[in-house]
Amino acid sequence: MRPLESIMSPWGRILAGTFLLGLTACGKEKVPAASHPAVCESPTASRVRQPSEVHGLTQCGPTADFTPINSYQGEFADVAQANEDAVVLIDGRCTGTLIEASAGPVVVTAGHCVALGDRPLLVFNFEEQSDGDPLITEGTVIEQSLEPDYALIQLDVLPKVTPVLLTAVPSERLAIIQHPRGKPKVIAEGEYLDACNSLLYYVDLDTLVGSSGAGVLNRQGHLLGIHTDGDCDDTGRGANRGWTTEAIVAASPYLVDADIVER
């Protein structure tokens, strides 16, 4: 792994991706939803995306509740600080998480962010008031799917961080550490709503374009799913969703059941 400042051309690609996200993701002021939205539609009803497609999505809930990771003091402060080093910016336009696996740690992200065989650039420690040196490496996409919407990236060089563990056990509150619009790392938290048809639903847990592929964490700091869709409408009503860890492990030749530490 090399210092970020020593690789200007790749960093230029990441900045270009971040600029694109800034143009396409325009947040709007929201009003709170009167009640929980209906969820649990079949995943086959979702529009099929193309790899690397960028979406301009809006936040869920009345306000955009993103907190820079190194100034966060909320409910998940203990597990956030233990896990945030594993969260990575991918090509300036998506988020991923380094996860523990029996076959060796890999980065998991959304399948619509990359294509099989791609060589994305991954930046660790891209943060406001960073608590470490921003570092960049490359990796190879070894698995990619749109149903479930996930991809695995094998890194050329592993960073010196602790990978996040996988879980199938939700908690009443969830958190997502992410890079919305390709910006420095932030955290948002919200309420677990439901899970069905291999999909995980959560409300008032803000995400934007660039948050795709971020890990959905339970209160223990374990990865419950991968964020893939912001389904709030232009009034802020609705729910965000992602694919469950169980669905991803079941579809993956690389991951095995034993990689899920909580069921």
C-alpha atoms as a PDB file:
ATOM      1  CA  MET A   1       0.000   0.000   0.000  1.00  0.00           C
ATOM      2  CA  ARG A   2       1.307   3.414  -0.978  1.00  0.00           C
ATOM      3  CA  PRO A   3       0.844   6.935   0.412  1.00  0.00           C
ATOM      4  CA  LEU A   4      -1.990   8.729  -1.354  1.00  0.00           C
ATOM      5  CA  GLU A   5       0.077  11.773  -2.309  1.00  0.00           C
ATOM      6  CA  SER A   6       2.554   9.606  -4.229  1.00  0.00           C
ATOM      7  CA  ILE A   7      -0.033   8.539  -6.826  1.00  0.00           C
ATOM      8  CA  MET A   8      -1.479  11.648  -8.450  1.00  0.00           C
ATOM      9  CA  SER A   9      -3.069  10.072 -11.536  1.00  0.00           C
ATOM     10  CA  PRO A  10      -5.226   7.499  -9.692  1.00  0.00           C
ATOM     11  CA  TRP A  11      -6.220  10.163  -7.157  1.00  0.00           C
ATOM     12  CA  GLY A  12      -7.336  12.316 -10.069  1.00  0.00           C
ATOM     13  CA  ARG A  13      -9.729   9.537 -11.104  1.00  0.00           C
ATOM     14  CA  ILE A  14     -11.162   9.435  -7.602  1.00  0.00           C
ATOM     15  CA  LEU A  15     -11.632  13.212  -7.527  1.00  0.00           C
ATOM     16  CA  ALA A  16     -13.378  13.044 -10.890  1.00  0.00           C
ATOM     17  CA  GLY A  17     -15.793  10.462  -9.508  1.00  0.00           C
ATOM     18  CA  THR A  18     -16.441  12.615  -6.470  1.00  0.00           C
ATOM     19  CA  PHE A  19     -17.144  15.643  -8.702  1.00  0.00           C
ATOM     20  CA  LEU A  20     -19.651  13.623 -10.739  1.00  0.00           C
ATOM     21  CA  LEU A  21     -21.478  12.543  -7.606  1.00  0.00           C
ATOM     22  CA  GLY A  22     -21.682  16.127  -6.441  1.00  0.00           C
ATOM     23  CA  LEU A  23     -23.388  17.077  -9.696  1.00  0.00           C
ATOM     24  CA  THR A  24     -25.875  14.218  -9.697  1.00  0.00           C
ATOM     25  CA  ALA A  25     -26.885  14.038  -6.028  1.00  0.00           C
ATOM     26  CA  CYS A  26     -28.860  17.111  -5.052  1.00  0.00           C
ATOM     27  CA  GLY A  27     -30.378  16.865  -1.588  1.00  0.00           C
ATOM     28  CA  LYS A  28     -33.805  18.366  -0.851  1.00  0.00           C
ATOM     29  CA  GLU A  29     -35.389  19.519   2.364  1.00  0.00           C
ATOM     30  CA  LYS A  30     -37.769  16.863   3.631  1.00  0.00           C
ATOM     31  CA  VAL A  31     -40.867  16.507   5.742  1.00  0.00           C
ATOM     32  CA  PRO A  32     -41.249  13.546   8.120  1.00  0.00           C
ATOM     33  CA  ALA A  33     -43.275  10.550   7.069  1.00  0.00           C
ATOM     34  CA  ALA A  34     -46.564  10.019   8.891  1.00  0.00           C
ATOM     35  CA  SER A  35     -46.036   6.276   9.274  1.00  0.00           C
ATOM     36  CA  HIS A  36     -43.724   3.495   8.238  1.00  0.00           C
ATOM     37  CA  PRO A  37     -43.825   2.769   4.497  1.00  0.00           C
ATOM     38  CA  ALA A  38     -44.951  -0.498   2.980  1.00  0.00           C
ATOM     39  CA  VAL A  39     -41.983  -2.717   2.261  1.00  0.00           C
ATOM     40  CA  CYS A  40     -41.124  -6.279   1.273  1.00  0.00           C
ATOM     41  CA  GLU A  41     -41.678  -6.073  -2.455  1.00  0.00           C
ATOM     42  CA  SER A  42     -40.079  -8.840  -4.467  1.00  0.00           C
ATOM     43  CA  PRO A  43     -36.465  -8.046  -5.407  1.00  0.00           C
ATOM     44  CA  THR A  44     -37.302  -9.097  -8.970  1.00  0.00           C
ATOM     45  CA  ALA A  45     -39.559  -6.047  -9.191  1.00  0.00           C
ATOM     46  CA  SER A  46     -36.554  -3.760  -8.839  1.00  0.00           C
ATOM     47  CA  ARG A  47     -35.190  -2.108 -11.938  1.00  0.00           C
ATOM     48  CA  VAL A  48     -32.093  -3.901 -13.155  1.00  0.00           C
ATOM     49  CA  ARG A  49     -29.092  -1.591 -13.087  1.00  0.00           C
ATOM     50  CA  GLN A  50     -25.972  -1.580 -15.154  1.00  0.00           C
ATOM     51  CA  PRO A  51     -22.567  -1.796 -13.427  1.00  0.00           C
ATOM     52  CA  SER A  52     -21.165   1.586 -12.354  1.00  0.00           C
ATOM     53  CA  GLU A  53     -24.522   3.337 -12.903  1.00  0.00           C
ATOM     54  CA  VAL A  54     -24.818   6.516 -10.804  1.00  0.00           C
ATOM     55  CA  HIS A  55     -28.094   7.537  -9.174  1.00  0.00           C
ATOM     56  CA  GLY A  56     -29.200  10.913  -7.827  1.00  0.00           C
ATOM     57  CA  LEU A  57     -31.068   9.790  -4.712  1.00  0.00           C
ATOM     58  CA  THR A  58     -32.555  11.794  -1.891  1.00  0.00           C
ATOM     59  CA  GLN A  59     -32.292  11.412   1.840  1.00  0.00           C
ATOM     60  CA  CYS A  60     -34.769   9.611   4.107  1.00  0.00           C
ATOM     61  CA  GLY A  61     -36.394  11.631   6.861  1.00  0.00           C
ATOM     62  CA  PRO A  62     -36.758  15.358   7.533  1.00  0.00           C
ATOM     63  CA  THR A  63     -33.041  16.218   7.665  1.00  0.00           C
ATOM     64  CA  ALA A  64     -29.714  14.929   6.389  1.00  0.00           C
ATOM     65  CA  ASP A  65     -28.221  13.487   9.557  1.00  0.00           C
ATOM     66  CA  PHE A  66     -24.639  12.770   8.551  1.00  0.00           C
ATOM     67  CA  THR A  67     -21.870  13.174  11.133  1.00  0.00           C
ATOM     68  CA  PRO A  68     -18.145  13.154  10.291  1.00  0.00           C
ATOM     69  CA  ILE A  69     -16.847   9.883  11.675  1.00  0.00           C
ATOM     70  CA  ASN A  70     -14.146  11.386  13.898  1.00  0.00           C
ATOM     71  CA  SER A  71     -16.522  13.809  15.639  1.00  0.00           C
ATOM     72  CA  TYR A  72     -19.393  11.338  16.121  1.00  0.00           C
ATOM     73  CA  GLN A  73     -20.629  10.958  19.722  1.00  0.00           C
ATOM     74  CA  GLY A  74     -23.878   9.044  19.188  1.00  0.00           C
ATOM     75  CA  GLU A  75     -25.270   5.683  20.223  1.00  0.00           C
ATOM     76  CA  PHE A  76     -22.893   3.716  17.980  1.00  0.00           C
ATOM     77  CA  ALA A  77     -19.755   5.604  19.036  1.00  0.00           C
ATOM     78  CA  ASP A  78     -18.086   2.529  20.551  1.00  0.00           C
ATOM     79  CA  VAL A  79     -18.561   0.207  17.579  1.00  0.00           C
ATOM     80  CA  ALA A  80     -18.126   2.982  15.013  1.00  0.00           C
ATOM     81  CA  GLN A  81     -14.608   3.754  16.163  1.00  0.00           C
ATOM     82  CA  ALA A  82     -13.777   0.050  16.209  1.00  0.00           C
ATOM     83  CA  ASN A  83     -15.002  -0.505  12.643  1.00  0.00           C
ATOM     84  CA  GLU A  84     -14.594   2.724  10.706  1.00  0.00           C
ATOM     85  CA  ASP A  85     -11.033   1.989   9.581  1.00  0.00           C
ATOM     86  CA  ALA A  86     -12.408  -0.902   7.492  1.00  0.00           C
ATOM     87  CA  VAL A  87     -14.670   1.411   5.458  1.00  0.00           C
ATOM     88  CA  VAL A  88     -13.239   2.437   2.094  1.00  0.00           C
ATOM     89  CA  LEU A  89     -14.006   4.829  -0.772  1.00  0.00           C
ATOM     90  CA  ILE A  90     -14.116   2.974  -4.103  1.00  0.00           C
ATOM     91  CA  ASP A  91     -13.169   4.880  -7.266  1.00  0.00           C
ATOM     92  CA  GLY A  92     -14.574   8.072  -5.728  1.00  0.00           C
ATOM     93  CA  ARG A  93     -18.163   6.950  -6.283  1.00  0.00           C
ATOM     94  CA  CYS A  94     -19.088   4.042  -3.982  1.00  0.00           C
ATOM     95  CA  THR A  95     -18.413   2.755  -0.466  1.00  0.00           C
ATOM     96  CA  GLY A  96     -17.155  -0.644   0.636  1.00  0.00           C
ATOM     97  CA  THR A  97     -16.158  -2.484   3.807  1.00  0.00           C
ATOM     98  CA  LEU A  98     -13.288  -4.858   4.474  1.00  0.00           C
ATOM     99  CA  ILE A  99     -14.906  -7.987   5.930  1.00  0.00           C
ATOM    100  CA  GLU A 100     -13.562 -11.085   7.649  1.00  0.00           C
ATOM    101  CA  ALA A 101     -13.828 -14.300   5.633  1.00  0.00           C
ATOM    102  CA  SER A 102     -12.470 -17.808   6.044  1.00  0.00           C
ATOM    103  CA  ALA A 103     -10.683 -17.556   2.701  1.00  0.00           C
ATOM    104  CA  GLY A 104      -9.152 -14.205   3.625  1.00  0.00           C
ATOM    105  CA  PRO A 105     -10.414 -10.624   4.092  1.00  0.00           C
ATOM    106  CA  VAL A 106     -12.095  -8.979   1.092  1.00  0.00           C
ATOM    107  CA  VAL A 107     -13.918  -5.716   0.455  1.00  0.00           C
ATOM    108  CA  VAL A 108     -17.663  -6.088  -0.082  1.00  0.00           C
ATOM    109  CA  THR A 109     -19.635  -3.436  -1.967  1.00  0.00           C
ATOM    110  CA  ALA A 110     -22.671  -3.143  -4.240  1.00  0.00           C
ATOM    111  CA  GLY A 111     -22.613  -5.067  -7.490  1.00  0.00           C
ATOM    112  CA  HIS A 112     -23.860  -2.082  -9.477  1.00  0.00           C
ATOM    113  CA  CYS A 113     -20.699  -0.175  -8.517  1.00  0.00           C
ATOM    114  CA  VAL A 114     -18.251  -2.375 -10.451  1.00  0.00           C
ATOM    115  CA  ALA A 115     -17.954  -5.086 -13.077  1.00  0.00           C
ATOM    116  CA  LEU A 116     -16.323  -8.492 -12.775  1.00  0.00           C
ATOM    117  CA  GLY A 117     -12.579  -8.218 -13.356  1.00  0.00           C
ATOM    118  CA  ASP A 118     -12.456  -4.454 -12.752  1.00  0.00           C
ATOM    119  CA  ARG A 119      -9.413  -2.966 -11.038  1.00  0.00           C
ATOM    120  CA  PRO A 120     -10.878  -0.211  -8.822  1.00  0.00           C
ATOM    121  CA  LEU A 121      -8.901   2.196  -6.664  1.00  0.00           C
ATOM    122  CA  LEU A 122      -9.651   2.034  -2.943  1.00  0.00           C
ATOM    123  CA  VAL A 123      -8.878   4.786  -0.439  1.00  0.00           C
ATOM    124  CA  PHE A 124      -8.742   4.050   3.272  1.00  0.00           C
ATOM    125  CA  ASN A 125      -8.899   6.799   5.915  1.00  0.00           C
ATOM    126  CA  PHE A 126     -10.426   9.478   3.673  1.00  0.00           C
ATOM    127  CA  GLU A 127     -11.855  11.493   6.582  1.00  0.00           C
ATOM    128  CA  GLU A 128     -12.206  14.942   8.052  1.00  0.00           C
ATOM    129  CA  GLN A 129      -9.657  15.311  10.875  1.00  0.00           C
ATOM    130  CA  SER A 130      -8.241  11.965   9.817  1.00  0.00           C
ATOM    131  CA  ASP A 131      -6.858   9.752  12.559  1.00  0.00           C
ATOM    132  CA  GLY A 132      -4.480   8.060  10.120  1.00  0.00           C
ATOM    133  CA  ASP A 133      -2.686   8.528   6.823  1.00  0.00           C
ATOM    134  CA  PRO A 134      -4.919   8.349   3.726  1.00  0.00           C
ATOM    135  CA  LEU A 135      -3.737   5.286   1.825  1.00  0.00           C
ATOM    136  CA  ILE A 136      -4.597   3.950  -1.583  1.00  0.00           C
ATOM    137  CA  THR A 137      -4.411   0.519  -3.137  1.00  0.00           C
ATOM    138  CA  GLU A 138      -5.942  -1.366  -6.016  1.00  0.00           C
ATOM    139  CA  GLY A 139      -7.911  -4.571  -6.070  1.00  0.00           C
ATOM    140  CA  THR A 140      -9.578  -7.038  -8.413  1.00  0.00           C
ATOM    141  CA  VAL A 141     -13.323  -7.658  -8.512  1.00  0.00           C
ATOM    142  CA  ILE A 142     -13.531 -11.425  -8.038  1.00  0.00           C
ATOM    143  CA  GLU A 143     -17.336 -11.658  -7.749  1.00  0.00           C
ATOM    144  CA  GLN A 144     -20.134  -9.408  -9.022  1.00  0.00           C
ATOM    145  CA  SER A 145     -23.901  -9.819  -9.115  1.00  0.00           C
ATOM    146  CA  LEU A 146     -27.016  -7.657  -9.393  1.00  0.00           C
ATOM    147  CA  GLU A 147     -29.341 -10.115  -7.607  1.00  0.00           C
ATOM    148  CA  PRO A 148     -28.188 -10.103  -4.894  1.00  0.00           C
ATOM    149  CA  ASP A 149     -26.563  -6.736  -5.562  1.00  0.00           C
ATOM    150  CA  TYR A 150     -23.030  -7.273  -4.277  1.00  0.00           C
ATOM    151  CA  ALA A 151     -19.408  -7.534  -5.327  1.00  0.00           C
ATOM    152  CA  LEU A 152     -16.224  -8.766  -3.659  1.00  0.00           C
ATOM    153  CA  ILE A 153     -12.871  -7.064  -4.219  1.00  0.00           C
ATOM    154  CA  GLN A 154      -9.595  -8.784  -3.414  1.00  0.00           C
ATOM    155  CA  LEU A 155      -6.989  -6.178  -2.479  1.00  0.00           C
ATOM    156  CA  ASP A 156      -3.454  -6.112  -3.820  1.00  0.00           C
ATOM    157  CA  VAL A 157      -2.246  -5.150  -0.342  1.00  0.00           C
ATOM    158  CA  LEU A 158      -4.260  -5.527   2.853  1.00  0.00           C
ATOM    159  CA  PRO A 159      -4.354  -2.453   5.109  1.00  0.00           C
ATOM    160  CA  LYS A 160      -3.487  -2.804   8.777  1.00  0.00           C
ATOM    161  CA  VAL A 161      -7.107  -2.640   9.939  1.00  0.00           C
ATOM    162  CA  THR A 162      -9.445  -5.118  11.585  1.00  0.00           C
ATOM    163  CA  PRO A 163     -12.026  -6.558   9.150  1.00  0.00           C
ATOM    164  CA  VAL A 164     -15.695  -6.336  10.115  1.00  0.00           C
ATOM    165  CA  LEU A 165     -17.558  -9.510  11.094  1.00  0.00           C
ATOM    166  CA  LEU A 166     -20.766 -10.659   9.364  1.00  0.00           C
ATOM    167  CA  THR A 167     -24.089 -11.158  11.140  1.00  0.00           C
ATOM    168  CA  ALA A 168     -27.663 -12.201  10.444  1.00  0.00           C
ATOM    169  CA  VAL A 169     -29.043 -10.692  13.673  1.00  0.00           C
ATOM    170  CA  PRO A 170     -30.640  -7.227  13.419  1.00  0.00           C
ATOM    171  CA  SER A 171     -30.992  -4.686  16.190  1.00  0.00           C
ATOM    172  CA  GLU A 172     -33.646  -2.005  16.696  1.00  0.00           C
ATOM    173  CA  ARG A 173     -31.169   0.672  15.600  1.00  0.00           C
ATOM    174  CA  LEU A 174     -28.758   0.404  12.696  1.00  0.00           C
ATOM    175  CA  ALA A 175     -25.872   2.513  11.426  1.00  0.00           C
ATOM    176  CA  ILE A 176     -24.117   3.020   8.096  1.00  0.00           C
ATOM    177  CA  ILE A 177     -20.555   4.349   7.803  1.00  0.00           C
ATOM    178  CA  GLN A 178     -20.298   5.721   4.286  1.00  0.00           C
ATOM    179  CA  HIS A 179     -18.912   8.169   1.717  1.00  0.00           C
ATOM    180  CA  PRO A 180     -22.033  10.010   0.412  1.00  0.00           C
ATOM    181  CA  ARG A 181     -21.283  11.871  -2.836  1.00  0.00           C
ATOM    182  CA  GLY A 182     -17.725  10.568  -2.524  1.00  0.00           C
ATOM    183  CA  LYS A 183     -17.045  12.914   0.374  1.00  0.00           C
ATOM    184  CA  PRO A 184     -15.055  12.182   3.549  1.00  0.00           C
ATOM    185  CA  LYS A 185     -16.355   9.389   5.742  1.00  0.00           C
ATOM    186  CA  VAL A 186     -19.518  10.005   7.770  1.00  0.00           C
ATOM    187  CA  ILE A 187     -21.967   7.956   9.815  1.00  0.00           C
ATOM    188  CA  ALA A 188     -25.764   7.969   9.929  1.00  0.00           C
ATOM    189  CA  GLU A 189     -28.081   5.932  12.117  1.00  0.00           C
ATOM    190  CA  GLY A 190     -31.736   4.967  11.921  1.00  0.00           C
ATOM    191  CA  GLU A 191     -34.400   2.392  12.694  1.00  0.00           C
ATOM    192  CA  TYR A 192     -34.521  -1.212  11.516  1.00  0.00           C
ATOM    193  CA  LEU A 193     -37.858  -1.800   9.812  1.00  0.00           C
ATOM    194  CA  ASP A 194     -38.056  -5.302   8.349  1.00  0.00           C
ATOM    195  CA  ALA A 195     -36.315  -7.986   6.309  1.00  0.00           C
ATOM    196  CA  CYS A 196     -37.852 -10.233   3.662  1.00  0.00           C
ATOM    197  CA  ASN A 197     -37.132 -11.600   0.184  1.00  0.00           C
ATOM    198  CA  SER A 198     -33.405 -11.315   1.029  1.00  0.00           C
ATOM    199  CA  LEU A 199     -33.778  -7.542   1.467  1.00  0.00           C
ATOM    200  CA  LEU A 200     -33.185  -5.404   4.546  1.00  0.00           C
ATOM    201  CA  TYR A 201     -35.273  -2.232   5.136  1.00  0.00           C
ATOM    202  CA  TYR A 202     -34.506   0.746   7.381  1.00  0.00           C
ATOM    203  CA  VAL A 203     -36.057   4.170   7.919  1.00  0.00           C
ATOM    204  CA  ASP A 204     -34.674   7.624   8.708  1.00  0.00           C
ATOM    205  CA  LEU A 205     -31.179   6.324   7.998  1.00  0.00           C
ATOM    206  CA  ASP A 206     -29.766   8.747   5.477  1.00  0.00           C
ATOM    207  CA  THR A 207     -27.775   7.756   2.406  1.00  0.00           C
ATOM    208  CA  LEU A 208     -26.998   9.487  -0.880  1.00  0.00           C
ATOM    209  CA  VAL A 209     -25.442   8.518  -4.169  1.00  0.00           C
ATOM    210  CA  GLY A 210     -21.952   7.355  -3.250  1.00  0.00           C
ATOM    211  CA  SER A 211     -23.301   5.463  -0.236  1.00  0.00           C
ATOM    212  CA  SER A 212     -23.986   2.385  -2.396  1.00  0.00           C
ATOM    213  CA  GLY A 213     -22.110  -0.638  -1.110  1.00  0.00           C
ATOM    214  CA  ALA A 214     -21.744   0.646   2.447  1.00  0.00           C
ATOM    215  CA  GLY A 215     -22.196  -1.878   5.229  1.00  0.00           C
ATOM    216  CA  VAL A 216     -25.349  -1.783   7.361  1.00  0.00           C
ATOM    217  CA  LEU A 217     -24.179  -2.363  10.945  1.00  0.00           C
ATOM    218  CA  ASN A 218     -26.150  -3.714  13.888  1.00  0.00           C
ATOM    219  CA  ARG A 219     -25.641  -2.437  17.430  1.00  0.00           C
ATOM    220  CA  GLN A 220     -22.773  -4.899  17.951  1.00  0.00           C
ATOM    221  CA  GLY A 221     -20.938  -3.368  15.001  1.00  0.00           C
ATOM    222  CA  HIS A 222     -21.341  -6.428  12.796  1.00  0.00           C
ATOM    223  CA  LEU A 223     -22.301  -6.197   9.135  1.00  0.00           C
ATOM    224  CA  LEU A 224     -25.966  -7.116   8.635  1.00  0.00           C
ATOM    225  CA  GLY A 225     -26.260  -6.197   4.962  1.00  0.00           C
ATOM    226  CA  ILE A 226     -25.067  -4.041   2.078  1.00  0.00           C
ATOM    227  CA  HIS A 227     -26.825  -0.773   1.291  1.00  0.00           C
ATOM    228  CA  THR A 228     -27.905  -0.646  -2.358  1.00  0.00           C
ATOM    229  CA  ASP A 229     -31.052   1.472  -2.773  1.00  0.00           C
ATOM    230  CA  GLY A 230     -32.376   4.806  -1.529  1.00  0.00           C
ATOM    231  CA  ASP A 231     -36.109   4.431  -1.982  1.00  0.00           C
ATOM    232  CA  CYS A 232     -37.327   7.627  -0.336  1.00  0.00           C
ATOM    233  CA  ASP A 233     -39.430   9.903  -2.525  1.00  0.00           C
ATOM    234  CA  ASP A 234     -38.938  13.638  -2.970  1.00  0.00           C
ATOM    235  CA  THR A 235     -40.831  14.365   0.268  1.00  0.00           C
ATOM    236  CA  GLY A 236     -38.498  12.165   2.326  1.00  0.00           C
ATOM    237  CA  ARG A 237     -41.090   9.420   2.857  1.00  0.00           C
ATOM    238  CA  GLY A 238     -40.075   5.842   2.295  1.00  0.00           C
ATOM    239  CA  ALA A 239     -37.352   3.437   3.347  1.00  0.00           C
ATOM    240  CA  ASN A 240     -33.815   2.692   2.275  1.00  0.00           C
ATOM    241  CA  ARG A 241     -32.847  -0.900   1.632  1.00  0.00           C
ATOM    242  CA  GLY A 242     -30.049  -3.306   0.941  1.00  0.00           C
ATOM    243  CA  TRP A 243     -29.330  -6.999   0.541  1.00  0.00           C
ATOM    244  CA  THR A 244     -28.863  -9.170   3.599  1.00  0.00           C
ATOM    245  CA  THR A 245     -25.570 -10.784   4.502  1.00  0.00           C
ATOM    246  CA  GLU A 246     -27.266 -14.172   4.368  1.00  0.00           C
ATOM    247  CA  ALA A 247     -28.324 -13.635   0.743  1.00  0.00           C
ATOM    248  CA  ILE A 248     -24.828 -12.503  -0.220  1.00  0.00           C
ATOM    249  CA  VAL A 249     -23.108 -15.454   1.474  1.00  0.00           C
ATOM    250  CA  ALA A 250     -25.568 -17.902  -0.106  1.00  0.00           C
ATOM    251  CA  ALA A 251     -24.775 -16.527  -3.576  1.00  0.00           C
ATOM    252  CA  SER A 252     -21.010 -16.263  -3.111  1.00  0.00           C
ATOM    253  CA  PRO A 253     -18.526 -18.995  -4.039  1.00  0.00           C
ATOM    254  CA  TYR A 254     -15.894 -17.202  -1.925  1.00  0.00           C
ATOM    255  CA  LEU A 255     -17.857 -16.725   1.313  1.00  0.00           C
ATOM    256  CA  VAL A 256     -19.140 -19.627   3.423  1.00  0.00           C
ATOM    257  CA  ASP A 257     -21.865 -19.993   6.051  1.00  0.00           C
ATOM    258  CA  ALA A 258     -19.291 -20.077   8.829  1.00  0.00           C
ATOM    259  CA  ASP A 259     -18.296 -16.513   7.916  1.00  0.00           C
ATOM    260  CA  ILE A 260     -21.576 -15.333   9.500  1.00  0.00           C
ATOM    261  CA  VAL A 261     -20.712 -15.195  13.197  1.00  0.00           C
ATOM    262  CA  GLU A 262     -24.229 -14.427  14.511  1.00  0.00           C
ATOM    263  CA  ARG A 263     -27.489 -16.092  13.454  1.00  0.00           C
END
